[in-house]
Amino acid sequence: MTWIERFEENMKTPAIATPGWYDCIPLAQREDARRLVEAGAPVCVAPAAGGRCTVFFDETEFIAGVFQDQATARQFAAAWNQR
């Protein structure tokens, strides 16, 4: 993935807990998202179908983001976990 592709991928997925991130969450799951954010639950990265990587809240199946490559997924996860 080129740097511009990585930049574009980052622009598509707002940071966790931002208004844009909440807007990406289906209404039925927003309360669960708020609880995870308020608890400061860490996120993990795991491989997904099609060569993608999923970022999910640890010890849950709640997905925080899906990325085309592992480096971008790890960067997204690190930004949340380092706050």
N, C-alpha and C. Protein backbone atom coordinates (compact mmCIF):
# COMPACT_ATOMS: atom_id res chain seq x y z
N MET A 1 0.85 -1.17 0.00
CA MET A 1 0.00 0.00 0.00
C MET A 1 0.90 1.23 0.00
N THR A 2 0.61 2.16 -0.90
CA THR A 2 1.39 3.39 -0.98
C THR A 2 1.00 4.34 0.15
N TRP A 3 1.78 5.37 0.36
CA TRP A 3 1.47 6.33 1.43
C TRP A 3 0.16 7.04 1.15
N ILE A 4 -0.15 7.33 -0.11
CA ILE A 4 -1.41 8.03 -0.41
C ILE A 4 -2.60 7.11 -0.17
N GLU A 5 -2.46 5.83 -0.49
CA GLU A 5 -3.54 4.88 -0.20
C GLU A 5 -3.75 4.75 1.30
N ARG A 6 -2.66 4.74 2.06
CA ARG A 6 -2.77 4.66 3.51
C ARG A 6 -3.44 5.93 4.07
N PHE A 7 -3.05 7.08 3.53
CA PHE A 7 -3.66 8.35 3.94
C PHE A 7 -5.16 8.34 3.65
N GLU A 8 -5.54 7.91 2.46
CA GLU A 8 -6.95 7.85 2.09
C GLU A 8 -7.71 6.87 2.97
N GLU A 9 -7.10 5.76 3.32
CA GLU A 9 -7.73 4.77 4.21
C GLU A 9 -7.96 5.39 5.59
N ASN A 10 -6.98 6.13 6.10
CA ASN A 10 -7.13 6.78 7.39
C ASN A 10 -8.24 7.82 7.36
N MET A 11 -8.40 8.51 6.24
CA MET A 11 -9.43 9.53 6.13
C MET A 11 -10.83 8.92 6.13
N LYS A 12 -10.95 7.67 5.67
CA LYS A 12 -12.25 7.01 5.62
C LYS A 12 -12.72 6.55 7.00
N THR A 13 -11.80 6.32 7.91
CA THR A 13 -12.15 5.77 9.21
C THR A 13 -11.79 6.77 10.30
N PRO A 14 -12.79 7.47 10.83
CA PRO A 14 -12.52 8.44 11.89
C PRO A 14 -11.97 7.75 13.14
N ALA A 15 -11.23 8.48 13.93
CA ALA A 15 -10.68 7.95 15.18
C ALA A 15 -11.80 7.54 16.12
N ILE A 16 -11.52 6.53 16.92
CA ILE A 16 -12.49 6.02 17.89
C ILE A 16 -12.91 7.14 18.83
N ALA A 17 -14.20 7.18 19.12
CA ALA A 17 -14.83 8.11 20.06
C ALA A 17 -15.06 9.50 19.48
N THR A 18 -14.73 9.72 18.23
CA THR A 18 -15.03 11.01 17.61
C THR A 18 -16.46 10.99 17.09
N PRO A 19 -17.06 12.16 16.89
CA PRO A 19 -18.43 12.18 16.36
C PRO A 19 -18.56 11.42 15.03
N GLY A 20 -17.56 11.53 14.16
CA GLY A 20 -17.61 10.81 12.89
C GLY A 20 -17.58 9.30 13.08
N TRP A 21 -16.84 8.83 14.08
CA TRP A 21 -16.79 7.40 14.37
C TRP A 21 -18.14 6.91 14.85
N TYR A 22 -18.75 7.65 15.77
CA TYR A 22 -20.09 7.26 16.25
C TYR A 22 -21.09 7.25 15.10
N ASP A 23 -20.96 8.16 14.15
CA ASP A 23 -21.87 8.20 13.00
C ASP A 23 -21.76 6.94 12.15
N CYS A 24 -20.61 6.28 12.17
CA CYS A 24 -20.41 5.05 11.40
C CYS A 24 -21.02 3.83 12.09
N ILE A 25 -21.38 3.95 13.34
CA ILE A 25 -21.91 2.84 14.12
C ILE A 25 -23.43 2.79 13.91
N PRO A 26 -23.99 1.61 13.63
CA PRO A 26 -25.45 1.52 13.52
C PRO A 26 -26.12 1.99 14.81
N LEU A 27 -27.25 2.65 14.69
CA LEU A 27 -27.95 3.20 15.85
C LEU A 27 -28.17 2.18 16.96
N ALA A 28 -28.50 0.96 16.58
CA ALA A 28 -28.78 -0.08 17.58
C ALA A 28 -27.55 -0.44 18.41
N GLN A 29 -26.35 -0.10 17.93
CA GLN A 29 -25.11 -0.47 18.63
C GLN A 29 -24.39 0.72 19.25
N ARG A 30 -24.93 1.90 19.10
CA ARG A 30 -24.21 3.09 19.61
C ARG A 30 -24.09 3.11 21.13
N GLU A 31 -25.08 2.62 21.83
CA GLU A 31 -24.99 2.59 23.29
C GLU A 31 -23.87 1.65 23.73
N ASP A 32 -23.75 0.50 23.07
CA ASP A 32 -22.64 -0.41 23.37
C ASP A 32 -21.30 0.27 23.08
N ALA A 33 -21.23 1.00 21.98
CA ALA A 33 -20.00 1.72 21.63
C ALA A 33 -19.66 2.74 22.71
N ARG A 34 -20.65 3.48 23.16
CA ARG A 34 -20.41 4.49 24.20
C ARG A 34 -19.89 3.84 25.49
N ARG A 35 -20.47 2.71 25.86
CA ARG A 35 -20.02 2.01 27.07
C ARG A 35 -18.56 1.56 26.94
N LEU A 36 -18.20 1.02 25.79
CA LEU A 36 -16.82 0.58 25.58
C LEU A 36 -15.85 1.75 25.62
N VAL A 37 -16.25 2.86 25.01
CA VAL A 37 -15.41 4.06 25.01
C VAL A 37 -15.26 4.60 26.43
N GLU A 38 -16.37 4.71 27.14
CA GLU A 38 -16.33 5.23 28.52
C GLU A 38 -15.50 4.35 29.43
N ALA A 39 -15.50 3.04 29.17
CA ALA A 39 -14.70 2.11 29.98
C ALA A 39 -13.23 2.15 29.58
N GLY A 40 -12.94 2.79 28.46
CA GLY A 40 -11.55 2.84 27.99
C GLY A 40 -11.05 1.49 27.51
N ALA A 41 -11.97 0.65 27.03
CA ALA A 41 -11.60 -0.69 26.59
C ALA A 41 -10.54 -0.62 25.49
N PRO A 42 -9.47 -1.40 25.62
CA PRO A 42 -8.44 -1.41 24.58
C PRO A 42 -8.94 -2.12 23.33
N VAL A 43 -8.28 -1.86 22.21
CA VAL A 43 -8.61 -2.53 20.96
C VAL A 43 -7.46 -3.42 20.51
N CYS A 44 -7.79 -4.42 19.71
CA CYS A 44 -6.83 -5.37 19.17
C CYS A 44 -6.99 -5.42 17.66
N VAL A 45 -5.98 -5.96 16.98
CA VAL A 45 -6.01 -6.12 15.54
C VAL A 45 -6.00 -7.61 15.22
N ALA A 46 -6.86 -8.00 14.27
CA ALA A 46 -6.90 -9.39 13.83
C ALA A 46 -7.10 -9.44 12.32
N PRO A 47 -6.55 -10.48 11.68
CA PRO A 47 -6.77 -10.63 10.24
C PRO A 47 -8.24 -10.91 9.96
N ALA A 48 -8.71 -10.47 8.80
CA ALA A 48 -10.08 -10.70 8.38
C ALA A 48 -10.07 -11.22 6.94
N ALA A 49 -11.23 -11.57 6.44
CA ALA A 49 -11.36 -12.10 5.09
C ALA A 49 -10.86 -11.10 4.05
N GLY A 50 -10.37 -11.61 2.96
CA GLY A 50 -9.95 -10.77 1.85
C GLY A 50 -8.67 -10.00 2.09
N GLY A 51 -7.84 -10.46 3.03
CA GLY A 51 -6.58 -9.78 3.30
C GLY A 51 -6.72 -8.52 4.14
N ARG A 52 -7.89 -8.24 4.63
CA ARG A 52 -8.12 -7.06 5.45
C ARG A 52 -7.76 -7.35 6.91
N CYS A 53 -7.76 -6.29 7.71
CA CYS A 53 -7.54 -6.41 9.15
C CYS A 53 -8.67 -5.71 9.88
N THR A 54 -9.12 -6.32 10.96
CA THR A 54 -10.19 -5.77 11.77
C THR A 54 -9.63 -5.29 13.09
N VAL A 55 -10.09 -4.14 13.51
CA VAL A 55 -9.77 -3.61 14.83
C VAL A 55 -11.02 -3.78 15.67
N PHE A 56 -10.90 -4.48 16.79
CA PHE A 56 -12.07 -4.73 17.63
C PHE A 56 -11.71 -4.48 19.09
N PHE A 57 -12.75 -4.21 19.88
CA PHE A 57 -12.53 -4.00 21.31
C PHE A 57 -12.19 -5.33 21.95
N ASP A 58 -11.13 -5.34 22.75
CA ASP A 58 -10.62 -6.54 23.40
C ASP A 58 -11.72 -7.26 24.18
N GLU A 59 -11.72 -8.58 24.07
CA GLU A 59 -12.65 -9.46 24.76
C GLU A 59 -14.11 -9.22 24.35
N THR A 60 -14.32 -8.64 23.17
CA THR A 60 -15.66 -8.47 22.60
C THR A 60 -15.58 -8.81 21.12
N GLU A 61 -16.72 -8.74 20.46
CA GLU A 61 -16.76 -8.88 19.01
C GLU A 61 -17.12 -7.55 18.37
N PHE A 62 -17.05 -6.48 19.13
CA PHE A 62 -17.43 -5.16 18.65
C PHE A 62 -16.32 -4.58 17.79
N ILE A 63 -16.60 -4.40 16.52
CA ILE A 63 -15.61 -3.92 15.57
C ILE A 63 -15.52 -2.40 15.61
N ALA A 64 -14.30 -1.89 15.73
CA ALA A 64 -14.06 -0.45 15.75
C ALA A 64 -13.63 0.07 14.39
N GLY A 65 -13.15 -0.82 13.50
CA GLY A 65 -12.73 -0.41 12.17
C GLY A 65 -12.21 -1.59 11.37
N VAL A 66 -12.26 -1.46 10.05
CA VAL A 66 -11.74 -2.48 9.14
C VAL A 66 -10.81 -1.78 8.15
N PHE A 67 -9.64 -2.38 7.92
CA PHE A 67 -8.62 -1.75 7.10
C PHE A 67 -8.08 -2.70 6.05
N GLN A 68 -7.52 -2.12 4.99
CA GLN A 68 -6.97 -2.89 3.89
C GLN A 68 -5.62 -3.52 4.22
N ASP A 69 -4.90 -2.99 5.20
CA ASP A 69 -3.60 -3.55 5.54
C ASP A 69 -3.37 -3.50 7.04
N GLN A 70 -2.46 -4.34 7.49
CA GLN A 70 -2.19 -4.47 8.91
C GLN A 70 -1.54 -3.23 9.50
N ALA A 71 -0.67 -2.58 8.76
CA ALA A 71 0.02 -1.40 9.29
C ALA A 71 -0.97 -0.29 9.63
N THR A 72 -1.93 -0.06 8.77
CA THR A 72 -2.93 0.98 9.03
C THR A 72 -3.81 0.59 10.21
N ALA A 73 -4.19 -0.67 10.28
CA ALA A 73 -5.00 -1.15 11.40
C ALA A 73 -4.26 -0.98 12.72
N ARG A 74 -2.97 -1.32 12.72
CA ARG A 74 -2.17 -1.18 13.95
C ARG A 74 -2.01 0.29 14.36
N GLN A 75 -1.84 1.15 13.38
CA GLN A 75 -1.73 2.58 13.67
C GLN A 75 -3.04 3.11 14.27
N PHE A 76 -4.16 2.72 13.72
CA PHE A 76 -5.48 3.12 14.22
C PHE A 76 -5.66 2.62 15.66
N ALA A 77 -5.33 1.35 15.90
CA ALA A 77 -5.46 0.77 17.24
C ALA A 77 -4.53 1.45 18.23
N ALA A 78 -3.31 1.71 17.83
CA ALA A 78 -2.34 2.35 18.73
C ALA A 78 -2.79 3.74 19.15
N ALA A 79 -3.40 4.48 18.22
CA ALA A 79 -3.88 5.82 18.55
C ALA A 79 -4.90 5.77 19.68
N TRP A 80 -5.77 4.77 19.67
CA TRP A 80 -6.77 4.64 20.73
C TRP A 80 -6.12 4.10 22.01
N ASN A 81 -5.31 3.09 21.90
CA ASN A 81 -4.72 2.46 23.08
C ASN A 81 -3.72 3.35 23.81
N GLN A 82 -3.16 4.35 23.15
CA GLN A 82 -2.18 5.24 23.78
C GLN A 82 -2.79 6.47 24.41
N ARG A 83 -4.06 6.66 24.29
CA ARG A 83 -4.68 7.90 24.80
C ARG A 83 -4.59 8.03 26.29
